[in-house]
Amino acid sequence: MLTFKQVEALYWIVQLGSFEAAASKLNASQSAISKRVQELESTFEFDVFDRSKRSARLTEKGEELFHYAKELLERRDEIVERVSAKEVLVRRLRLGVTELTALTWLPHLIAAIKRAYPKVVVEAEVELSATLRERLEADTVDFIIVPSAPVSERFVSTHIASVENAWLCVPGMAQNKGSIPLSEIAQFPLLTQGNLSGTGMTYGRFLLEHGVSIPKVFASNNLLAQIGLTLSGMGVSYLPKACLNYLIAGGVLQEIRTRPPLPPIEYVALYRADHAYSLNAEIAKLAEESCDFSALLLTPQAPKPAPGQRRGIPSK
């Protein structure tokens, strides 16, 4: 008799590439996973995996069975989500975000999800935009928040927010206090993000479209490293302005204004159209409500007043 445990074992072996990884994912022993596959093979009387290969390679009939198994699990999840109340819905949500979201409002989103769906387990991962899109395509994450880019009809896209970026450097690196033509930004050593970053790809294309040649470029796919290099005086970088305003206001960083200015980066929530369950649509709404790119989690906070002391009024 076919069981969901057998179907899940097959699905995760294929998705993760090995019996060992599937066992870890399903909190089972490797021998238990192997037994479930053997039970499938006994039920259908054919080999699901090609034993002559070192990796978990499906046979032709195994490939057919996998597609049915995937469809069966998706239908099960859809039924559970549609008929369950939010308070009792039990499932795992694999959430992927880029570094800026993780450094600003990700904890607020996870808290909102837990309030709305107390039994949903959130697994959050921080990756580059291109990697997250590949993971969504491969169905190894359920929901991602990334800079906008053209998407196929296979994905549902929900606009989340716009992020303004600015050219920033240490004071004194740029003498001109007004704005400069965009082409003159090339006179500085530039600290950029690579093409695996949605922001890096967008601004690389923006500079190319405006004929800006950049001979001196230092690329980093790590936002914190990019901020650190900028603060070290290594060059000029495009960085999210709102959450770094406290450094600009404090004279630690200086903004270079260009004509034209950098366009804002649009952030979207993406999930697969073939997984358009109620939960994914609700998480997109929660992301819209929770979104706040205005402050880094590590931004220094004003000290709290001592007990019995109100702000601005010394205690007696």
C-alpha atoms as a PDB file:
ATOM      1  CA  MET A   1       0.000   0.000   0.000  1.00  0.00           C
ATOM      2  CA  LEU A   2       1.338   3.421  -0.970  1.00  0.00           C
ATOM      3  CA  THR A   3       1.978   5.797   1.960  1.00  0.00           C
ATOM      4  CA  PHE A   4       2.907   9.464   2.249  1.00  0.00           C
ATOM      5  CA  LYS A   5       6.106   8.468   4.083  1.00  0.00           C
ATOM      6  CA  GLN A   6       7.225   6.500   1.034  1.00  0.00           C
ATOM      7  CA  VAL A   7       6.286   9.357  -1.295  1.00  0.00           C
ATOM      8  CA  GLU A   8       8.114  11.912   0.865  1.00  0.00           C
ATOM      9  CA  ALA A   9      11.223   9.724   0.948  1.00  0.00           C
ATOM     10  CA  LEU A  10      11.286   9.543  -2.857  1.00  0.00           C
ATOM     11  CA  TYR A  11      10.652  13.277  -3.227  1.00  0.00           C
ATOM     12  CA  TRP A  12      13.407  14.392  -0.853  1.00  0.00           C
ATOM     13  CA  ILE A  13      15.990  11.898  -2.125  1.00  0.00           C
ATOM     14  CA  VAL A  14      15.565  13.404  -5.583  1.00  0.00           C
ATOM     15  CA  GLN A  15      15.397  17.003  -4.358  1.00  0.00           C
ATOM     16  CA  LEU A  16      18.450  16.762  -2.077  1.00  0.00           C
ATOM     17  CA  GLY A  17      20.480  14.283  -4.116  1.00  0.00           C
ATOM     18  CA  SER A  18      21.089  11.504  -1.594  1.00  0.00           C
ATOM     19  CA  PHE A  19      19.465   9.067   0.824  1.00  0.00           C
ATOM     20  CA  GLU A  20      21.519  10.568   3.661  1.00  0.00           C
ATOM     21  CA  ALA A  21      20.277  14.136   3.024  1.00  0.00           C
ATOM     22  CA  ALA A  22      16.669  12.932   2.754  1.00  0.00           C
ATOM     23  CA  ALA A  23      17.005  11.062   6.059  1.00  0.00           C
ATOM     24  CA  SER A  24      18.267  14.228   7.752  1.00  0.00           C
ATOM     25  CA  LYS A  25      15.448  16.291   6.226  1.00  0.00           C
ATOM     26  CA  LEU A  26      12.774  13.834   7.362  1.00  0.00           C
ATOM     27  CA  ASN A  27      14.322  13.189  10.787  1.00  0.00           C
ATOM     28  CA  ALA A  28      14.643   9.492   9.983  1.00  0.00           C
ATOM     29  CA  SER A  29      17.489   6.994   9.785  1.00  0.00           C
ATOM     30  CA  GLN A  30      19.075   6.246   6.432  1.00  0.00           C
ATOM     31  CA  SER A  31      17.978   2.619   6.746  1.00  0.00           C
ATOM     32  CA  ALA A  32      14.356   3.769   7.246  1.00  0.00           C
ATOM     33  CA  ILE A  33      14.542   5.847   4.060  1.00  0.00           C
ATOM     34  CA  SER A  34      16.020   2.898   2.150  1.00  0.00           C
ATOM     35  CA  LYS A  35      13.225   0.668   3.435  1.00  0.00           C
ATOM     36  CA  ARG A  36      10.561   3.099   2.214  1.00  0.00           C
ATOM     37  CA  VAL A  37      12.112   3.077  -1.266  1.00  0.00           C
ATOM     38  CA  GLN A  38      12.234  -0.729  -1.218  1.00  0.00           C
ATOM     39  CA  GLU A  39       8.547  -0.774  -0.276  1.00  0.00           C
ATOM     40  CA  LEU A  40       7.775   1.465  -3.267  1.00  0.00           C
ATOM     41  CA  GLU A  41       9.725  -0.841  -5.572  1.00  0.00           C
ATOM     42  CA  SER A  42       7.911  -3.862  -4.171  1.00  0.00           C
ATOM     43  CA  THR A  43       4.514  -2.200  -4.625  1.00  0.00           C
ATOM     44  CA  PHE A  44       5.110  -1.199  -8.260  1.00  0.00           C
ATOM     45  CA  GLU A  45       7.491  -4.049  -9.173  1.00  0.00           C
ATOM     46  CA  PHE A  46      10.222  -1.934 -10.785  1.00  0.00           C
ATOM     47  CA  ASP A  47      13.483  -0.292  -9.695  1.00  0.00           C
ATOM     48  CA  VAL A  48      12.993   3.337  -8.704  1.00  0.00           C
ATOM     49  CA  PHE A  49      16.730   4.142  -8.617  1.00  0.00           C
ATOM     50  CA  ASP A  50      19.520   2.932 -10.881  1.00  0.00           C
ATOM     51  CA  ARG A  51      21.761   0.953  -8.538  1.00  0.00           C
ATOM     52  CA  SER A  52      24.642   1.022 -11.055  1.00  0.00           C
ATOM     53  CA  LYS A  53      25.124   4.770 -10.434  1.00  0.00           C
ATOM     54  CA  ARG A  54      26.890   6.175  -7.376  1.00  0.00           C
ATOM     55  CA  SER A  55      24.418   9.059  -7.061  1.00  0.00           C
ATOM     56  CA  ALA A  56      20.661   8.799  -6.489  1.00  0.00           C
ATOM     57  CA  ARG A  57      19.754   8.541 -10.200  1.00  0.00           C
ATOM     58  CA  LEU A  58      16.163   7.679 -11.109  1.00  0.00           C
ATOM     59  CA  THR A  59      15.279   4.990 -13.634  1.00  0.00           C
ATOM     60  CA  GLU A  60      12.880   5.901 -16.438  1.00  0.00           C
ATOM     61  CA  LYS A  61       9.920   4.473 -14.497  1.00  0.00           C
ATOM     62  CA  GLY A  62      11.267   6.048 -11.316  1.00  0.00           C
ATOM     63  CA  GLU A  63      11.240   9.449 -13.040  1.00  0.00           C
ATOM     64  CA  GLU A  64       7.578   8.955 -13.920  1.00  0.00           C
ATOM     65  CA  LEU A  65       6.761   7.931 -10.352  1.00  0.00           C
ATOM     66  CA  PHE A  66       8.623  10.963  -8.980  1.00  0.00           C
ATOM     67  CA  HIS A  67       6.436  13.370 -10.966  1.00  0.00           C
ATOM     68  CA  TYR A  68       3.307  11.714  -9.604  1.00  0.00           C
ATOM     69  CA  ALA A  69       4.779  11.784  -6.089  1.00  0.00           C
ATOM     70  CA  LYS A  70       5.531  15.506  -6.381  1.00  0.00           C
ATOM     71  CA  GLU A  71       2.004  16.227  -7.610  1.00  0.00           C
ATOM     72  CA  LEU A  72       0.513  14.121  -4.805  1.00  0.00           C
ATOM     73  CA  LEU A  73       2.442  15.995  -2.094  1.00  0.00           C
ATOM     74  CA  GLU A  74       1.494  19.354  -3.588  1.00  0.00           C
ATOM     75  CA  ARG A  75      -2.184  18.406  -3.624  1.00  0.00           C
ATOM     76  CA  ARG A  76      -1.932  17.189  -0.027  1.00  0.00           C
ATOM     77  CA  ASP A  77      -0.367  20.491   1.085  1.00  0.00           C
ATOM     78  CA  GLU A  78      -2.976  22.481  -0.814  1.00  0.00           C
ATOM     79  CA  ILE A  79      -5.855  20.581   0.788  1.00  0.00           C
ATOM     80  CA  VAL A  80      -4.369  20.965   4.270  1.00  0.00           C
ATOM     81  CA  GLU A  81      -3.859  24.720   3.808  1.00  0.00           C
ATOM     82  CA  ARG A  82      -7.322  25.327   2.380  1.00  0.00           C
ATOM     83  CA  VAL A  83      -9.254  23.507   5.091  1.00  0.00           C
ATOM     84  CA  SER A  84      -7.079  24.268   8.142  1.00  0.00           C
ATOM     85  CA  ALA A  85      -7.528  27.306  10.354  1.00  0.00           C
ATOM     86  CA  LYS A  86      -4.442  29.505  10.648  1.00  0.00           C
ATOM     87  CA  GLU A  87      -3.999  28.549  14.288  1.00  0.00           C
ATOM     88  CA  VAL A  88      -3.765  24.802  13.565  1.00  0.00           C
ATOM     89  CA  LEU A  89      -2.005  24.739  10.184  1.00  0.00           C
ATOM     90  CA  VAL A  90       1.129  22.615  10.527  1.00  0.00           C
ATOM     91  CA  ARG A  91       3.762  22.799   7.814  1.00  0.00           C
ATOM     92  CA  ARG A  92       7.271  23.983   7.029  1.00  0.00           C
ATOM     93  CA  LEU A  93       7.892  27.286   5.214  1.00  0.00           C
ATOM     94  CA  ARG A  94      11.267  27.535   3.484  1.00  0.00           C
ATOM     95  CA  LEU A  95      11.910  31.281   3.258  1.00  0.00           C
ATOM     96  CA  GLY A  96      14.808  32.860   1.351  1.00  0.00           C
ATOM     97  CA  VAL A  97      15.955  36.489   1.594  1.00  0.00           C
ATOM     98  CA  THR A  98      18.929  38.567   0.524  1.00  0.00           C
ATOM     99  CA  GLU A  99      21.331  40.188   2.970  1.00  0.00           C
ATOM    100  CA  LEU A 100      19.663  43.610   3.206  1.00  0.00           C
ATOM    101  CA  THR A 101      16.327  42.115   4.276  1.00  0.00           C
ATOM    102  CA  ALA A 102      18.108  39.896   6.812  1.00  0.00           C
ATOM    103  CA  LEU A 103      19.898  42.951   8.264  1.00  0.00           C
ATOM    104  CA  THR A 104      16.759  45.088   8.526  1.00  0.00           C
ATOM    105  CA  TRP A 105      13.276  43.587   8.881  1.00  0.00           C
ATOM    106  CA  LEU A 106      13.495  39.783   8.625  1.00  0.00           C
ATOM    107  CA  PRO A 107      12.911  39.281  12.401  1.00  0.00           C
ATOM    108  CA  HIS A 108       9.718  41.369  12.162  1.00  0.00           C
ATOM    109  CA  LEU A 109       8.446  39.188   9.303  1.00  0.00           C
ATOM    110  CA  ILE A 110       9.201  35.930  11.124  1.00  0.00           C
ATOM    111  CA  ALA A 111       7.473  37.249  14.253  1.00  0.00           C
ATOM    112  CA  ALA A 112       4.402  38.216  12.181  1.00  0.00           C
ATOM    113  CA  ILE A 113       4.298  34.745  10.587  1.00  0.00           C
ATOM    114  CA  LYS A 114       4.489  33.079  13.995  1.00  0.00           C
ATOM    115  CA  ARG A 115       1.657  35.249  15.317  1.00  0.00           C
ATOM    116  CA  ALA A 116      -0.580  34.430  12.354  1.00  0.00           C
ATOM    117  CA  TYR A 117       0.489  30.782  11.976  1.00  0.00           C
ATOM    118  CA  PRO A 118       1.788  29.584  15.356  1.00  0.00           C
ATOM    119  CA  LYS A 119       2.380  25.988  14.181  1.00  0.00           C
ATOM    120  CA  VAL A 120       4.168  26.839  10.922  1.00  0.00           C
ATOM    121  CA  VAL A 121       7.919  26.211  11.166  1.00  0.00           C
ATOM    122  CA  VAL A 122       9.929  28.874   9.334  1.00  0.00           C
ATOM    123  CA  GLU A 123      13.307  27.893   7.882  1.00  0.00           C
ATOM    124  CA  ALA A 124      15.030  31.123   6.793  1.00  0.00           C
ATOM    125  CA  GLU A 125      18.074  31.252   4.520  1.00  0.00           C
ATOM    126  CA  VAL A 126      20.168  34.220   3.393  1.00  0.00           C
ATOM    127  CA  GLU A 127      21.581  33.967  -0.130  1.00  0.00           C
ATOM    128  CA  LEU A 128      22.351  36.032  -3.202  1.00  0.00           C
ATOM    129  CA  SER A 129      19.421  36.964  -5.416  1.00  0.00           C
ATOM    130  CA  ALA A 130      20.472  34.730  -8.326  1.00  0.00           C
ATOM    131  CA  THR A 131      20.946  31.748  -6.004  1.00  0.00           C
ATOM    132  CA  LEU A 132      17.521  32.229  -4.439  1.00  0.00           C
ATOM    133  CA  ARG A 133      15.854  32.358  -7.852  1.00  0.00           C
ATOM    134  CA  GLU A 134      17.588  29.114  -8.809  1.00  0.00           C
ATOM    135  CA  ARG A 135      16.473  27.555  -5.525  1.00  0.00           C
ATOM    136  CA  LEU A 136      12.870  28.629  -6.145  1.00  0.00           C
ATOM    137  CA  GLU A 137      13.046  27.210  -9.657  1.00  0.00           C
ATOM    138  CA  ALA A 138      14.326  23.921  -8.230  1.00  0.00           C
ATOM    139  CA  ASP A 139      11.601  23.961  -5.551  1.00  0.00           C
ATOM    140  CA  THR A 140      14.073  23.811  -2.652  1.00  0.00           C
ATOM    141  CA  VAL A 141      12.647  27.018  -1.160  1.00  0.00           C
ATOM    142  CA  ASP A 142       8.972  28.026  -1.026  1.00  0.00           C
ATOM    143  CA  PHE A 143       9.087  31.815  -0.898  1.00  0.00           C
ATOM    144  CA  ILE A 144      11.776  34.425  -1.574  1.00  0.00           C
ATOM    145  CA  ILE A 145      12.172  38.197  -1.176  1.00  0.00           C
ATOM    146  CA  VAL A 146      14.607  39.625  -3.737  1.00  0.00           C
ATOM    147  CA  PRO A 147      15.288  42.670  -5.929  1.00  0.00           C
ATOM    148  CA  SER A 148      12.929  42.725  -8.889  1.00  0.00           C
ATOM    149  CA  ALA A 149      13.920  41.255 -12.240  1.00  0.00           C
ATOM    150  CA  PRO A 150      11.929  39.883 -15.189  1.00  0.00           C
ATOM    151  CA  VAL A 151      10.154  36.681 -14.133  1.00  0.00           C
ATOM    152  CA  SER A 152       8.400  33.949 -16.051  1.00  0.00           C
ATOM    153  CA  GLU A 153       4.749  33.026 -15.690  1.00  0.00           C
ATOM    154  CA  ARG A 154       5.887  30.171 -13.449  1.00  0.00           C
ATOM    155  CA  PHE A 155       6.192  32.637 -10.542  1.00  0.00           C
ATOM    156  CA  VAL A 156       3.758  34.895  -8.715  1.00  0.00           C
ATOM    157  CA  SER A 157       5.358  38.282  -7.985  1.00  0.00           C
ATOM    158  CA  THR A 158       4.182  40.747  -5.323  1.00  0.00           C
ATOM    159  CA  HIS A 159       5.747  44.198  -4.989  1.00  0.00           C
ATOM    160  CA  ILE A 160       7.099  44.753  -1.469  1.00  0.00           C
ATOM    161  CA  ALA A 161       8.987  48.074  -1.392  1.00  0.00           C
ATOM    162  CA  SER A 162      11.422  50.429  -3.124  1.00  0.00           C
ATOM    163  CA  VAL A 163      14.901  50.944  -1.713  1.00  0.00           C
ATOM    164  CA  GLU A 164      16.796  54.167  -2.454  1.00  0.00           C
ATOM    165  CA  ASN A 165      20.544  53.746  -2.830  1.00  0.00           C
ATOM    166  CA  ALA A 166      23.173  56.472  -2.852  1.00  0.00           C
ATOM    167  CA  TRP A 167      26.829  56.794  -3.814  1.00  0.00           C
ATOM    168  CA  LEU A 168      28.630  56.960  -0.460  1.00  0.00           C
ATOM    169  CA  CYS A 169      32.252  57.444   0.575  1.00  0.00           C
ATOM    170  CA  VAL A 170      34.283  58.731   3.507  1.00  0.00           C
ATOM    171  CA  PRO A 171      34.344  62.555   3.882  1.00  0.00           C
ATOM    172  CA  GLY A 172      36.983  64.283   1.805  1.00  0.00           C
ATOM    173  CA  MET A 173      37.141  61.697  -0.957  1.00  0.00           C
ATOM    174  CA  ALA A 174      34.760  63.829  -3.056  1.00  0.00           C
ATOM    175  CA  GLN A 175      35.393  67.580  -2.933  1.00  0.00           C
ATOM    176  CA  ASN A 176      32.377  68.654  -5.012  1.00  0.00           C
ATOM    177  CA  LYS A 177      29.452  69.371  -2.665  1.00  0.00           C
ATOM    178  CA  GLY A 178      26.918  69.645  -5.497  1.00  0.00           C
ATOM    179  CA  SER A 179      25.939  67.004  -8.017  1.00  0.00           C
ATOM    180  CA  ILE A 180      28.184  65.640 -10.748  1.00  0.00           C
ATOM    181  CA  PRO A 181      27.436  64.018 -14.114  1.00  0.00           C
ATOM    182  CA  LEU A 182      27.075  60.257 -13.698  1.00  0.00           C
ATOM    183  CA  SER A 183      30.042  59.698 -16.016  1.00  0.00           C
ATOM    184  CA  GLU A 184      32.364  61.361 -13.467  1.00  0.00           C
ATOM    185  CA  ILE A 185      31.693  58.647 -10.899  1.00  0.00           C
ATOM    186  CA  ALA A 186      34.213  56.572 -12.884  1.00  0.00           C
ATOM    187  CA  GLN A 187      37.043  58.813 -11.581  1.00  0.00           C
ATOM    188  CA  PHE A 188      36.740  57.100  -8.194  1.00  0.00           C
ATOM    189  CA  PRO A 189      37.647  53.543  -7.237  1.00  0.00           C
ATOM    190  CA  LEU A 190      34.228  51.907  -7.078  1.00  0.00           C
ATOM    191  CA  LEU A 191      33.064  49.208  -4.689  1.00  0.00           C
ATOM    192  CA  THR A 192      30.243  47.304  -6.375  1.00  0.00           C
ATOM    193  CA  GLN A 193      28.208  44.150  -6.005  1.00  0.00           C
ATOM    194  CA  GLY A 194      28.630  41.318  -8.500  1.00  0.00           C
ATOM    195  CA  ASN A 195      26.067  40.124 -11.026  1.00  0.00           C
ATOM    196  CA  LEU A 196      24.812  37.396  -8.676  1.00  0.00           C
ATOM    197  CA  SER A 197      23.339  40.256  -6.639  1.00  0.00           C
ATOM    198  CA  GLY A 198      20.067  41.738  -7.881  1.00  0.00           C
ATOM    199  CA  THR A 199      21.257  45.226  -6.925  1.00  0.00           C
ATOM    200  CA  GLY A 200      24.638  44.664  -8.570  1.00  0.00           C
ATOM    201  CA  MET A 201      23.024  43.431 -11.779  1.00  0.00           C
ATOM    202  CA  THR A 202      20.576  46.362 -11.896  1.00  0.00           C
ATOM    203  CA  TYR A 203      23.236  49.024 -11.339  1.00  0.00           C
ATOM    204  CA  GLY A 204      25.736  47.343 -13.645  1.00  0.00           C
ATOM    205  CA  ARG A 205      23.132  47.553 -16.398  1.00  0.00           C
ATOM    206  CA  PHE A 206      22.251  51.150 -15.405  1.00  0.00           C
ATOM    207  CA  LEU A 207      25.874  52.301 -15.728  1.00  0.00           C
ATOM    208  CA  LEU A 208      26.302  50.452 -19.016  1.00  0.00           C
ATOM    209  CA  GLU A 209      23.153  52.049 -20.471  1.00  0.00           C
ATOM    210  CA  HIS A 210      24.542  55.495 -19.601  1.00  0.00           C
ATOM    211  CA  GLY A 211      27.903  54.760 -21.202  1.00  0.00           C
ATOM    212  CA  VAL A 212      29.835  54.830 -17.932  1.00  0.00           C
ATOM    213  CA  SER A 213      33.129  52.985 -18.206  1.00  0.00           C
ATOM    214  CA  ILE A 214      34.439  51.806 -14.847  1.00  0.00           C
ATOM    215  CA  PRO A 215      38.138  50.899 -14.952  1.00  0.00           C
ATOM    216  CA  LYS A 216      38.667  50.710 -11.167  1.00  0.00           C
ATOM    217  CA  VAL A 217      36.156  48.299  -9.627  1.00  0.00           C
ATOM    218  CA  PHE A 218      36.279  46.134  -6.516  1.00  0.00           C
ATOM    219  CA  ALA A 219      33.334  43.736  -6.449  1.00  0.00           C
ATOM    220  CA  SER A 220      31.920  42.128  -3.302  1.00  0.00           C
ATOM    221  CA  ASN A 221      28.818  39.996  -2.895  1.00  0.00           C
ATOM    222  CA  ASN A 222      28.713  40.693   0.838  1.00  0.00           C
ATOM    223  CA  LEU A 223      26.834  43.856   1.868  1.00  0.00           C
ATOM    224  CA  LEU A 224      28.509  44.155   5.271  1.00  0.00           C
ATOM    225  CA  ALA A 225      31.927  43.804   3.628  1.00  0.00           C
ATOM    226  CA  GLN A 226      30.959  46.465   1.105  1.00  0.00           C
ATOM    227  CA  ILE A 227      29.970  48.835   3.916  1.00  0.00           C
ATOM    228  CA  GLY A 228      33.187  48.051   5.776  1.00  0.00           C
ATOM    229  CA  LEU A 229      35.366  48.712   2.732  1.00  0.00           C
ATOM    230  CA  THR A 230      33.560  52.016   2.156  1.00  0.00           C
ATOM    231  CA  LEU A 231      34.097  53.068   5.780  1.00  0.00           C
ATOM    232  CA  SER A 232      37.768  52.130   5.382  1.00  0.00           C
ATOM    233  CA  GLY A 233      38.151  54.685   2.588  1.00  0.00           C
ATOM    234  CA  MET A 234      38.750  52.050  -0.102  1.00  0.00           C
ATOM    235  CA  GLY A 235      36.386  53.705  -2.560  1.00  0.00           C
ATOM    236  CA  VAL A 236      32.889  54.891  -3.429  1.00  0.00           C
ATOM    237  CA  SER A 237      29.988  52.477  -3.201  1.00  0.00           C
ATOM    238  CA  TYR A 238      26.246  52.423  -3.833  1.00  0.00           C
ATOM    239  CA  LEU A 239      24.612  51.575  -0.516  1.00  0.00           C
ATOM    240  CA  PRO A 240      21.051  51.662   0.908  1.00  0.00           C
ATOM    241  CA  LYS A 241      20.589  55.234   2.061  1.00  0.00           C
ATOM    242  CA  ALA A 242      17.782  55.064   4.630  1.00  0.00           C
ATOM    243  CA  CYS A 243      19.386  52.509   6.935  1.00  0.00           C
ATOM    244  CA  LEU A 244      22.792  54.265   6.728  1.00  0.00           C
ATOM    245  CA  ASN A 245      21.451  57.808   7.215  1.00  0.00           C
ATOM    246  CA  TYR A 246      22.772  57.858  10.774  1.00  0.00           C
ATOM    247  CA  LEU A 247      26.327  57.545   9.372  1.00  0.00           C
ATOM    248  CA  ILE A 248      25.699  60.340   6.871  1.00  0.00           C
ATOM    249  CA  ALA A 249      24.153  62.576   9.532  1.00  0.00           C
ATOM    250  CA  GLY A 250      27.064  61.851  11.842  1.00  0.00           C
ATOM    251  CA  GLY A 251      29.637  62.846   9.213  1.00  0.00           C
ATOM    252  CA  VAL A 252      31.056  59.330   8.981  1.00  0.00           C
ATOM    253  CA  LEU A 253      29.967  58.946   5.347  1.00  0.00           C
ATOM    254  CA  GLN A 254      29.417  61.494   2.593  1.00  0.00           C
ATOM    255  CA  GLU A 255      26.943  61.248  -0.274  1.00  0.00           C
ATOM    256  CA  ILE A 256      27.950  61.956  -3.871  1.00  0.00           C
ATOM    257  CA  ARG A 257      24.940  63.059  -5.919  1.00  0.00           C
ATOM    258  CA  THR A 258      24.948  62.254  -9.617  1.00  0.00           C
ATOM    259  CA  ARG A 259      22.946  63.351 -12.655  1.00  0.00           C
ATOM    260  CA  PRO A 260      20.987  61.144 -13.226  1.00  0.00           C
ATOM    261  CA  PRO A 261      20.728  59.606  -9.756  1.00  0.00           C
ATOM    262  CA  LEU A 262      20.690  55.903  -9.066  1.00  0.00           C
ATOM    263  CA  PRO A 263      17.239  54.412  -9.682  1.00  0.00           C
ATOM    264  CA  PRO A 264      15.546  52.772  -6.680  1.00  0.00           C
ATOM    265  CA  ILE A 265      15.739  49.017  -6.316  1.00  0.00           C
ATOM    266  CA  GLU A 266      12.315  47.379  -6.310  1.00  0.00           C
ATOM    267  CA  TYR A 267      11.926  44.411  -3.954  1.00  0.00           C
ATOM    268  CA  VAL A 268       9.387  41.674  -4.641  1.00  0.00           C
ATOM    269  CA  ALA A 269       8.108  38.510  -3.016  1.00  0.00           C
ATOM    270  CA  LEU A 270       8.160  35.484  -5.309  1.00  0.00           C
ATOM    271  CA  TYR A 271       6.627  32.045  -5.090  1.00  0.00           C
ATOM    272  CA  ARG A 272       5.834  29.387  -7.643  1.00  0.00           C
ATOM    273  CA  ALA A 273       2.546  29.703  -9.532  1.00  0.00           C
ATOM    274  CA  ASP A 274       2.015  25.948  -9.203  1.00  0.00           C
ATOM    275  CA  HIS A 275       2.206  26.429  -5.399  1.00  0.00           C
ATOM    276  CA  ALA A 276      -0.247  29.318  -5.230  1.00  0.00           C
ATOM    277  CA  TYR A 277      -1.736  28.150  -1.947  1.00  0.00           C
ATOM    278  CA  SER A 278      -3.375  30.459   0.542  1.00  0.00           C
ATOM    279  CA  LEU A 279      -0.306  30.426   2.809  1.00  0.00           C
ATOM    280  CA  ASN A 280       2.056  31.870   0.178  1.00  0.00           C
ATOM    281  CA  ALA A 281      -0.382  34.670  -0.658  1.00  0.00           C
ATOM    282  CA  GLU A 282      -0.804  35.443   3.049  1.00  0.00           C
ATOM    283  CA  ILE A 283       2.959  35.493   3.639  1.00  0.00           C
ATOM    284  CA  ALA A 284       3.275  38.011   0.782  1.00  0.00           C
ATOM    285  CA  LYS A 285       0.750  40.255   2.572  1.00  0.00           C
ATOM    286  CA  LEU A 286       2.630  39.883   5.863  1.00  0.00           C
ATOM    287  CA  ALA A 287       5.872  40.781   4.073  1.00  0.00           C
ATOM    288  CA  GLU A 288       4.285  43.976   2.732  1.00  0.00           C
ATOM    289  CA  GLU A 289       3.085  44.909   6.212  1.00  0.00           C
ATOM    290  CA  SER A 290       6.370  44.036   7.970  1.00  0.00           C
ATOM    291  CA  CYS A 291       8.723  45.561   5.421  1.00  0.00           C
ATOM    292  CA  ASP A 292      10.966  48.340   6.782  1.00  0.00           C
ATOM    293  CA  PHE A 293      14.330  49.001   5.143  1.00  0.00           C
ATOM    294  CA  SER A 294      14.895  52.196   7.150  1.00  0.00           C
ATOM    295  CA  ALA A 295      17.132  50.855   9.938  1.00  0.00           C
ATOM    296  CA  LEU A 296      19.787  48.187  10.337  1.00  0.00           C
ATOM    297  CA  LEU A 297      19.271  45.769  13.199  1.00  0.00           C
ATOM    298  CA  LEU A 298      22.770  46.723  14.400  1.00  0.00           C
ATOM    299  CA  THR A 299      22.095  50.479  14.352  1.00  0.00           C
ATOM    300  CA  PRO A 300      23.051  51.980  17.733  1.00  0.00           C
ATOM    301  CA  GLN A 301      19.963  52.811  19.733  1.00  0.00           C
ATOM    302  CA  ALA A 302      19.529  55.781  22.055  1.00  0.00           C
ATOM    303  CA  PRO A 303      20.075  54.716  25.691  1.00  0.00           C
ATOM    304  CA  LYS A 304      16.941  54.097  27.722  1.00  0.00           C
ATOM    305  CA  PRO A 305      16.353  56.499  30.629  1.00  0.00           C
ATOM    306  CA  ALA A 306      17.183  55.226  34.089  1.00  0.00           C
ATOM    307  CA  PRO A 307      14.279  54.021  36.249  1.00  0.00           C
ATOM    308  CA  GLY A 308      12.292  56.990  37.554  1.00  0.00           C
ATOM    309  CA  GLN A 309      13.847  59.318  34.971  1.00  0.00           C
ATOM    310  CA  ARG A 310      11.971  60.716  31.988  1.00  0.00           C
ATOM    311  CA  ARG A 311      13.807  61.765  28.838  1.00  0.00           C
ATOM    312  CA  GLY A 312      15.301  65.238  29.200  1.00  0.00           C
ATOM    313  CA  ILE A 313      14.453  65.471  32.920  1.00  0.00           C
ATOM    314  CA  PRO A 314      17.270  64.655  35.332  1.00  0.00           C
ATOM    315  CA  SER A 315      16.420  62.444  38.292  1.00  0.00           C
ATOM    316  CA  LYS A 316      16.610  64.031  41.692  1.00  0.00           C
END
